Structure formats: C-alpha cells, structure tokens
Protein backbone atom coordinates (compact mmCIF):
# COMPACT_ATOMS: atom_id res chain seq x y z
CA MET A 1 39.93 119.28 117.15
CA ARG A 2 41.51 120.35 113.82
CA LYS A 3 40.33 119.40 110.32
CA ARG A 4 42.19 116.92 108.59
CA ARG A 5 43.98 117.65 105.33
CA PHE A 6 42.91 115.55 102.36
CA GLY A 7 46.65 114.29 102.31
CA GLU A 8 46.20 113.11 105.85
CA TYR A 9 43.54 110.43 104.93
CA SER A 10 44.40 106.67 104.30
CA LEU A 11 44.10 105.43 100.51
CA PRO A 12 40.52 103.93 101.42
CA GLY A 13 39.36 107.22 102.97
CA LYS A 14 40.59 109.21 99.97
CA LEU A 15 38.67 106.74 97.70
CA VAL A 16 35.39 107.21 99.62
CA LEU A 17 35.76 110.87 99.73
CA LEU A 18 36.34 111.11 96.03
CA VAL A 19 33.49 108.84 95.46
CA LEU A 20 30.95 110.96 97.59
CA ILE A 21 32.21 114.04 95.76
CA ALA A 22 31.56 112.53 92.30
CA VAL A 23 28.12 111.38 93.35
CA SER A 24 27.40 114.69 94.56
CA LEU A 25 28.36 116.43 91.47
CA LEU A 26 26.31 114.08 89.29
CA ILE A 27 23.33 114.64 91.33
CA VAL A 28 23.68 118.36 91.01
CA GLY A 29 24.32 118.17 87.50
CA ARG A 30 21.28 116.02 86.78
CA ALA A 31 19.10 118.58 88.72
CA GLU A 32 20.54 121.67 86.88
CA LYS A 33 20.03 119.93 83.55
CA ASP A 34 16.45 118.89 84.54
CA ILE A 35 15.82 122.49 85.53
CA SER A 36 16.96 123.81 82.19
CA ALA A 37 15.19 121.54 79.99
CA ARG A 38 11.58 121.97 81.51
CA ASP A 39 9.16 124.72 80.83
CA GLU A 40 8.20 127.07 83.81
CA ASP A 41 4.72 125.35 84.15
CA GLU A 42 6.55 121.91 84.59
CA ILE A 43 8.33 123.24 87.81
CA ARG A 44 6.87 123.86 91.35
CA GLY A 45 7.93 127.42 92.26
CA SER A 46 10.54 129.74 90.88
CA ARG A 47 13.15 128.13 88.57
CA GLY A 48 15.83 130.69 90.09
CA VAL A 49 15.13 129.49 93.70
CA TRP A 50 15.51 125.82 92.61
CA ARG A 51 18.69 126.57 90.92
CA LEU A 52 20.05 128.26 94.08
CA ALA A 53 18.76 125.17 96.19
CA SER A 54 20.45 122.83 93.66
CA LEU A 55 24.03 124.18 94.41
CA ASN A 56 24.44 121.22 96.87
CA ALA A 57 23.27 117.41 96.73
CA LEU A 58 20.66 117.88 99.21
CA GLY A 59 18.77 120.78 97.30
CA ALA A 60 19.19 118.94 94.03
CA LEU A 61 17.48 115.65 95.50
CA ALA A 62 14.71 118.02 97.00
CA TYR A 63 14.28 119.46 93.44
CA LEU A 64 14.41 116.09 91.80
CA ARG A 65 11.81 114.65 94.39
CA PHE A 66 9.56 117.62 94.92
CA GLY A 67 10.34 120.45 92.57
CA ARG A 68 8.98 118.64 89.28
CA ARG A 69 5.59 118.27 87.82
CA ARG A 70 5.15 115.25 85.97
C-alpha cells in the first residue's frame, strides 16, 4: 500500500489534516514556551530532556501533564 500525497486527499480530508497539524503545533508551542518560562526547580527532570520530548504533540502533552511542578 503506497502513501497518499496531500493533493490526493479530498477537500474535507485536507481540512482535517490541516486542523490536526495546527493543533499539534499549538500544543508543541505551548509546551516549549512553558519550559522556557519556568525555573529549573519547577520542572520535573531535565529541561533538555523535556525539550526533546516536546518535539511532537504526545511528548508535549506528557510534559504539560507530568513535567511541571505546580
């Protein structure tokens, strides 16, 4: 089974993909901004490790849920 190119999707399919990409980028951006704004003692674990984990939406969600001390 070959991968589909973006142009091969229908218009609703393209819109769904674009919304998912936008949401993913917003989550990653929020996590990166939060990591930058917090002091070292407000983050569980290493800041560098959380930055690497936050390069995708699942890692960013993990940081936002588990990586911050309140």
